[in-house]
Amino acid sequence: MVVTIGIIVGWTAIAAALVVLLAPAAKSTGPQAMPFLGGGTPDTHAWQRYHFRPYTMALLFIAFEMEMMFMYPWAVVFVSEGIKALAEMGMFLAILSVGILYGWREGIFRWQ
């Protein structure tokens, strides 16, 4: 293991030394130092918040999909387990309903 680490460190040092020795020094002056998009200044900040509409739709889809995916096997288990299985499914549906309520609050049900 020590030999392997030594080989890795050695190859990394050789690669770093080759980059320093062989790569040309990059000197950004003038238009090269300006931001992208033709050298113009951006109109908005890069971290500007935007509303990503498909996120809430995907959240709602996953909530309903997970609900249906676990309903069919649960129906088989419910016959043998009884009230315990009913309580577990109630907790599961309560957790999923939080996601659905979040989507409702975000306005996923409003068509624009």
N, C-alpha and C. Protein backbone atom coordinates (compact mmCIF):
# COMPACT_ATOMS: atom_id res chain seq x y z
N MET A 1 0.81 -1.18 0.00
CA MET A 1 0.00 0.00 0.00
C MET A 1 0.86 1.26 0.00
N VAL A 2 1.96 1.23 0.72
CA VAL A 2 2.87 2.38 0.76
C VAL A 2 3.49 2.59 -0.62
N VAL A 3 3.81 1.49 -1.30
CA VAL A 3 4.38 1.59 -2.64
C VAL A 3 3.37 2.22 -3.60
N THR A 4 2.12 1.82 -3.50
CA THR A 4 1.08 2.37 -4.37
C THR A 4 0.91 3.87 -4.13
N ILE A 5 0.87 4.29 -2.88
CA ILE A 5 0.76 5.71 -2.57
C ILE A 5 1.98 6.47 -3.09
N GLY A 6 3.16 5.87 -2.96
CA GLY A 6 4.37 6.50 -3.47
C GLY A 6 4.33 6.67 -4.99
N ILE A 7 3.83 5.66 -5.69
CA ILE A 7 3.72 5.76 -7.14
C ILE A 7 2.73 6.86 -7.53
N ILE A 8 1.61 6.92 -6.83
CA ILE A 8 0.60 7.94 -7.14
C ILE A 8 1.16 9.34 -6.89
N VAL A 9 1.83 9.54 -5.76
CA VAL A 9 2.41 10.84 -5.45
C VAL A 9 3.49 11.19 -6.47
N GLY A 10 4.30 10.22 -6.86
CA GLY A 10 5.36 10.46 -7.84
C GLY A 10 4.81 10.87 -9.19
N TRP A 11 3.82 10.15 -9.70
CA TRP A 11 3.22 10.50 -10.99
C TRP A 11 2.54 11.86 -10.93
N THR A 12 1.90 12.17 -9.82
CA THR A 12 1.28 13.48 -9.67
C THR A 12 2.32 14.59 -9.69
N ALA A 13 3.43 14.40 -9.01
CA ALA A 13 4.51 15.40 -8.99
C ALA A 13 5.11 15.57 -10.38
N ILE A 14 5.29 14.47 -11.10
CA ILE A 14 5.83 14.55 -12.46
C ILE A 14 4.87 15.30 -13.38
N ALA A 15 3.58 15.01 -13.28
CA ALA A 15 2.58 15.68 -14.12
C ALA A 15 2.54 17.17 -13.81
N ALA A 16 2.59 17.54 -12.52
CA ALA A 16 2.56 18.96 -12.14
C ALA A 16 3.82 19.67 -12.63
N ALA A 17 4.96 19.02 -12.54
CA ALA A 17 6.21 19.63 -13.02
C ALA A 17 6.18 19.82 -14.53
N LEU A 18 5.65 18.87 -15.26
CA LEU A 18 5.55 19.00 -16.72
C LEU A 18 4.62 20.14 -17.12
N VAL A 19 3.54 20.31 -16.38
CA VAL A 19 2.63 21.42 -16.69
C VAL A 19 3.33 22.75 -16.47
N VAL A 20 4.05 22.88 -15.37
CA VAL A 20 4.75 24.14 -15.07
C VAL A 20 5.84 24.41 -16.10
N LEU A 21 6.57 23.38 -16.51
CA LEU A 21 7.68 23.57 -17.44
C LEU A 21 7.24 23.76 -18.88
N LEU A 22 6.24 23.03 -19.33
CA LEU A 22 5.89 23.03 -20.75
C LEU A 22 4.75 23.96 -21.13
N ALA A 23 3.87 24.28 -20.20
CA ALA A 23 2.72 25.12 -20.54
C ALA A 23 3.15 26.58 -20.63
N PRO A 24 2.64 27.28 -21.63
CA PRO A 24 2.99 28.71 -21.71
C PRO A 24 2.30 29.50 -20.61
N ALA A 25 2.94 30.56 -20.19
CA ALA A 25 2.36 31.40 -19.14
C ALA A 25 1.19 32.17 -19.72
N ALA A 26 0.05 32.07 -19.08
CA ALA A 26 -1.14 32.74 -19.58
C ALA A 26 -1.22 34.12 -18.96
N LYS A 27 -1.21 35.12 -19.81
CA LYS A 27 -1.32 36.50 -19.35
C LYS A 27 -2.58 37.09 -19.96
N SER A 28 -3.58 37.29 -19.14
CA SER A 28 -4.86 37.83 -19.61
C SER A 28 -4.82 39.35 -19.51
N THR A 29 -4.90 39.98 -20.65
CA THR A 29 -4.95 41.44 -20.67
C THR A 29 -6.01 41.88 -21.66
N GLY A 30 -6.57 43.00 -21.41
CA GLY A 30 -7.53 43.59 -22.35
C GLY A 30 -8.79 42.78 -22.48
N PRO A 31 -9.20 42.49 -23.72
CA PRO A 31 -10.47 41.79 -23.94
C PRO A 31 -10.51 40.39 -23.35
N GLN A 32 -9.36 39.76 -23.21
CA GLN A 32 -9.34 38.40 -22.66
C GLN A 32 -9.74 38.38 -21.19
N ALA A 33 -9.51 39.45 -20.49
CA ALA A 33 -9.85 39.50 -19.06
C ALA A 33 -11.33 39.83 -18.83
N MET A 34 -12.04 40.23 -19.87
CA MET A 34 -13.46 40.56 -19.75
C MET A 34 -14.29 39.29 -19.62
N PRO A 35 -15.51 39.40 -19.11
CA PRO A 35 -16.37 38.23 -19.01
C PRO A 35 -16.74 37.67 -20.38
N PHE A 36 -17.31 36.51 -20.37
CA PHE A 36 -17.75 35.85 -21.60
C PHE A 36 -18.88 36.65 -22.26
N LEU A 37 -19.40 36.21 -23.34
CA LEU A 37 -20.46 36.84 -24.13
C LEU A 37 -19.93 38.04 -24.90
N GLY A 38 -18.86 37.84 -25.59
CA GLY A 38 -18.35 38.87 -26.47
C GLY A 38 -17.65 40.00 -25.75
N GLY A 39 -17.27 39.81 -24.53
CA GLY A 39 -16.55 40.84 -23.80
C GLY A 39 -17.44 41.89 -23.17
N GLY A 40 -18.75 41.75 -23.29
CA GLY A 40 -19.66 42.72 -22.68
C GLY A 40 -19.90 42.41 -21.22
N THR A 41 -20.36 43.39 -20.50
CA THR A 41 -20.68 43.16 -19.09
C THR A 41 -22.06 42.51 -19.00
N PRO A 42 -22.25 41.59 -18.09
CA PRO A 42 -23.54 40.91 -17.98
C PRO A 42 -24.62 41.85 -17.46
N ASP A 43 -25.86 41.62 -17.88
CA ASP A 43 -26.98 42.44 -17.46
C ASP A 43 -27.46 42.11 -16.05
N THR A 44 -27.38 40.84 -15.68
CA THR A 44 -27.85 40.40 -14.37
C THR A 44 -26.72 39.68 -13.64
N HIS A 45 -26.90 39.53 -12.36
CA HIS A 45 -25.91 38.84 -11.55
C HIS A 45 -25.95 37.34 -11.86
N ALA A 46 -24.83 36.67 -11.77
CA ALA A 46 -24.75 35.25 -12.10
C ALA A 46 -25.57 34.39 -11.14
N TRP A 47 -25.72 34.83 -9.91
CA TRP A 47 -26.46 34.05 -8.92
C TRP A 47 -27.91 34.50 -8.80
N GLN A 48 -28.41 35.19 -9.80
CA GLN A 48 -29.79 35.67 -9.75
C GLN A 48 -30.74 34.48 -9.63
N ARG A 49 -31.71 34.60 -8.76
CA ARG A 49 -32.65 33.51 -8.54
C ARG A 49 -33.69 33.48 -9.65
N TYR A 50 -33.99 32.30 -10.10
CA TYR A 50 -35.01 32.12 -11.10
C TYR A 50 -35.92 30.98 -10.68
N HIS A 51 -37.15 31.00 -11.14
CA HIS A 51 -38.12 29.97 -10.78
C HIS A 51 -38.02 28.83 -11.77
N PHE A 52 -37.68 27.67 -11.27
CA PHE A 52 -37.55 26.49 -12.11
C PHE A 52 -38.85 25.70 -12.04
N ARG A 53 -39.72 25.92 -12.98
CA ARG A 53 -41.08 25.37 -12.96
C ARG A 53 -41.12 23.84 -12.98
N PRO A 54 -40.31 23.14 -13.77
CA PRO A 54 -40.42 21.68 -13.77
C PRO A 54 -40.06 21.02 -12.44
N TYR A 55 -39.36 21.73 -11.55
CA TYR A 55 -39.00 21.13 -10.27
C TYR A 55 -40.23 20.75 -9.47
N THR A 56 -41.19 21.65 -9.37
CA THR A 56 -42.38 21.34 -8.57
C THR A 56 -43.24 20.28 -9.26
N MET A 57 -43.26 20.28 -10.59
CA MET A 57 -44.00 19.24 -11.30
C MET A 57 -43.35 17.87 -11.07
N ALA A 58 -42.04 17.82 -11.07
CA ALA A 58 -41.35 16.56 -10.81
C ALA A 58 -41.59 16.10 -9.37
N LEU A 59 -41.62 17.03 -8.44
CA LEU A 59 -41.89 16.69 -7.05
C LEU A 59 -43.27 16.08 -6.89
N LEU A 60 -44.25 16.66 -7.55
CA LEU A 60 -45.61 16.15 -7.49
C LEU A 60 -45.71 14.77 -8.15
N PHE A 61 -45.04 14.60 -9.29
CA PHE A 61 -45.05 13.31 -9.96
C PHE A 61 -44.45 12.23 -9.08
N ILE A 62 -43.33 12.53 -8.45
CA ILE A 62 -42.67 11.53 -7.59
C ILE A 62 -43.57 11.19 -6.40
N ALA A 63 -44.25 12.18 -5.85
CA ALA A 63 -45.12 11.90 -4.71
C ALA A 63 -46.24 10.95 -5.11
N PHE A 64 -46.91 11.21 -6.23
CA PHE A 64 -47.99 10.32 -6.66
C PHE A 64 -47.46 8.97 -7.13
N GLU A 65 -46.31 8.97 -7.79
CA GLU A 65 -45.73 7.72 -8.29
C GLU A 65 -45.34 6.81 -7.13
N MET A 66 -44.71 7.37 -6.10
CA MET A 66 -44.32 6.56 -4.95
C MET A 66 -45.55 6.02 -4.23
N GLU A 67 -46.58 6.82 -4.18
CA GLU A 67 -47.81 6.38 -3.54
C GLU A 67 -48.38 5.16 -4.26
N MET A 68 -48.48 5.23 -5.55
CA MET A 68 -49.05 4.12 -6.32
C MET A 68 -48.13 2.90 -6.34
N MET A 69 -46.82 3.14 -6.34
CA MET A 69 -45.88 2.02 -6.39
C MET A 69 -45.98 1.16 -5.12
N PHE A 70 -46.25 1.80 -3.97
CA PHE A 70 -46.33 1.04 -2.73
C PHE A 70 -47.74 0.61 -2.36
N MET A 71 -48.75 1.08 -3.07
CA MET A 71 -50.13 0.70 -2.75
C MET A 71 -50.42 -0.75 -3.13
N TYR A 72 -49.91 -1.20 -4.26
CA TYR A 72 -50.22 -2.56 -4.71
C TYR A 72 -49.62 -3.63 -3.79
N PRO A 73 -48.33 -3.59 -3.47
CA PRO A 73 -47.82 -4.61 -2.54
C PRO A 73 -48.41 -4.45 -1.14
N TRP A 74 -48.75 -3.22 -0.77
CA TRP A 74 -49.34 -3.01 0.54
C TRP A 74 -50.69 -3.71 0.66
N ALA A 75 -51.45 -3.75 -0.42
CA ALA A 75 -52.76 -4.40 -0.39
C ALA A 75 -52.61 -5.89 -0.07
N VAL A 76 -51.55 -6.52 -0.56
CA VAL A 76 -51.32 -7.93 -0.27
C VAL A 76 -50.92 -8.11 1.20
N VAL A 77 -50.07 -7.22 1.70
CA VAL A 77 -49.61 -7.32 3.09
C VAL A 77 -50.74 -6.97 4.06
N PHE A 78 -51.62 -6.09 3.65
CA PHE A 78 -52.71 -5.67 4.52
C PHE A 78 -53.60 -6.83 4.93
N VAL A 79 -53.76 -7.79 4.05
CA VAL A 79 -54.61 -8.95 4.35
C VAL A 79 -54.04 -9.74 5.52
N SER A 80 -52.70 -9.89 5.55
CA SER A 80 -52.11 -10.70 6.62
C SER A 80 -51.77 -9.88 7.87
N GLU A 81 -51.43 -8.61 7.73
CA GLU A 81 -50.99 -7.81 8.88
C GLU A 81 -52.13 -7.08 9.57
N GLY A 82 -53.10 -6.63 8.83
CA GLY A 82 -54.25 -5.96 9.44
C GLY A 82 -54.01 -4.51 9.78
N ILE A 83 -54.35 -4.13 11.03
CA ILE A 83 -54.33 -2.73 11.44
C ILE A 83 -52.93 -2.14 11.48
N LYS A 84 -51.91 -2.98 11.70
CA LYS A 84 -50.53 -2.50 11.71
C LYS A 84 -50.15 -1.97 10.33
N ALA A 85 -50.51 -2.71 9.29
CA ALA A 85 -50.22 -2.28 7.93
C ALA A 85 -51.00 -1.02 7.58
N LEU A 86 -52.21 -0.90 8.09
CA LEU A 86 -53.01 0.30 7.84
C LEU A 86 -52.35 1.53 8.47
N ALA A 87 -51.82 1.40 9.68
CA ALA A 87 -51.15 2.51 10.35
C ALA A 87 -49.87 2.91 9.61
N GLU A 88 -49.12 1.92 9.15
CA GLU A 88 -47.89 2.22 8.41
C GLU A 88 -48.20 2.93 7.10
N MET A 89 -49.23 2.51 6.40
CA MET A 89 -49.59 3.17 5.15
C MET A 89 -50.10 4.58 5.42
N GLY A 90 -50.80 4.77 6.55
CA GLY A 90 -51.24 6.11 6.91
C GLY A 90 -50.08 7.05 7.14
N MET A 91 -49.03 6.57 7.82
CA MET A 91 -47.84 7.40 8.03
C MET A 91 -47.14 7.70 6.70
N PHE A 92 -47.07 6.70 5.83
CA PHE A 92 -46.44 6.89 4.52
C PHE A 92 -47.19 7.93 3.70
N LEU A 93 -48.51 7.84 3.69
CA LEU A 93 -49.30 8.80 2.94
C LEU A 93 -49.23 10.19 3.56
N ALA A 94 -49.09 10.27 4.86
CA ALA A 94 -48.94 11.58 5.51
C ALA A 94 -47.64 12.25 5.08
N ILE A 95 -46.57 11.48 5.00
CA ILE A 95 -45.29 12.04 4.55
C ILE A 95 -45.38 12.49 3.10
N LEU A 96 -46.00 11.69 2.25
CA LEU A 96 -46.14 12.09 0.85
C LEU A 96 -47.06 13.29 0.68
N SER A 97 -48.04 13.41 1.54
CA SER A 97 -48.95 14.56 1.42
C SER A 97 -48.23 15.86 1.73
N VAL A 98 -47.16 15.81 2.52
CA VAL A 98 -46.36 17.02 2.75
C VAL A 98 -45.77 17.51 1.43
N GLY A 99 -45.27 16.59 0.60
CA GLY A 99 -44.75 16.96 -0.71
C GLY A 99 -45.83 17.52 -1.62
N ILE A 100 -47.00 16.93 -1.56
CA ILE A 100 -48.11 17.42 -2.39
C ILE A 100 -48.56 18.81 -1.92
N LEU A 101 -48.61 19.02 -0.61
CA LEU A 101 -48.98 20.34 -0.09
C LEU A 101 -47.93 21.39 -0.45
N TYR A 102 -46.66 21.00 -0.47
CA TYR A 102 -45.61 21.92 -0.89
C TYR A 102 -45.80 22.31 -2.35
N GLY A 103 -46.10 21.33 -3.20
CA GLY A 103 -46.37 21.62 -4.60
C GLY A 103 -47.58 22.53 -4.76
N TRP A 104 -48.59 22.32 -3.96
CA TRP A 104 -49.79 23.16 -4.00
C TRP A 104 -49.44 24.60 -3.62
N ARG A 105 -48.60 24.74 -2.56
CA ARG A 105 -48.19 26.06 -2.13
C ARG A 105 -47.36 26.76 -3.20
N GLU A 106 -46.56 26.00 -3.94
CA GLU A 106 -45.74 26.58 -5.01
C GLU A 106 -46.57 26.91 -6.25
N GLY A 107 -47.82 26.47 -6.28
CA GLY A 107 -48.70 26.81 -7.39
C GLY A 107 -48.63 25.83 -8.54
N ILE A 108 -48.35 24.58 -8.26
CA ILE A 108 -48.21 23.59 -9.33
C ILE A 108 -49.56 23.27 -9.97
N PHE A 109 -50.66 23.49 -9.25
CA PHE A 109 -51.97 23.19 -9.79
C PHE A 109 -52.57 24.33 -10.60
N ARG A 110 -51.90 25.48 -10.62
CA ARG A 110 -52.38 26.61 -11.41
C ARG A 110 -51.79 26.56 -12.81
N TRP A 111 -52.63 26.54 -13.81
CA TRP A 111 -52.17 26.51 -15.20
C TRP A 111 -52.00 27.95 -15.67
N GLN A 112 -50.85 28.22 -16.24
CA GLN A 112 -50.54 29.58 -16.67
C GLN A 112 -50.33 29.63 -18.16
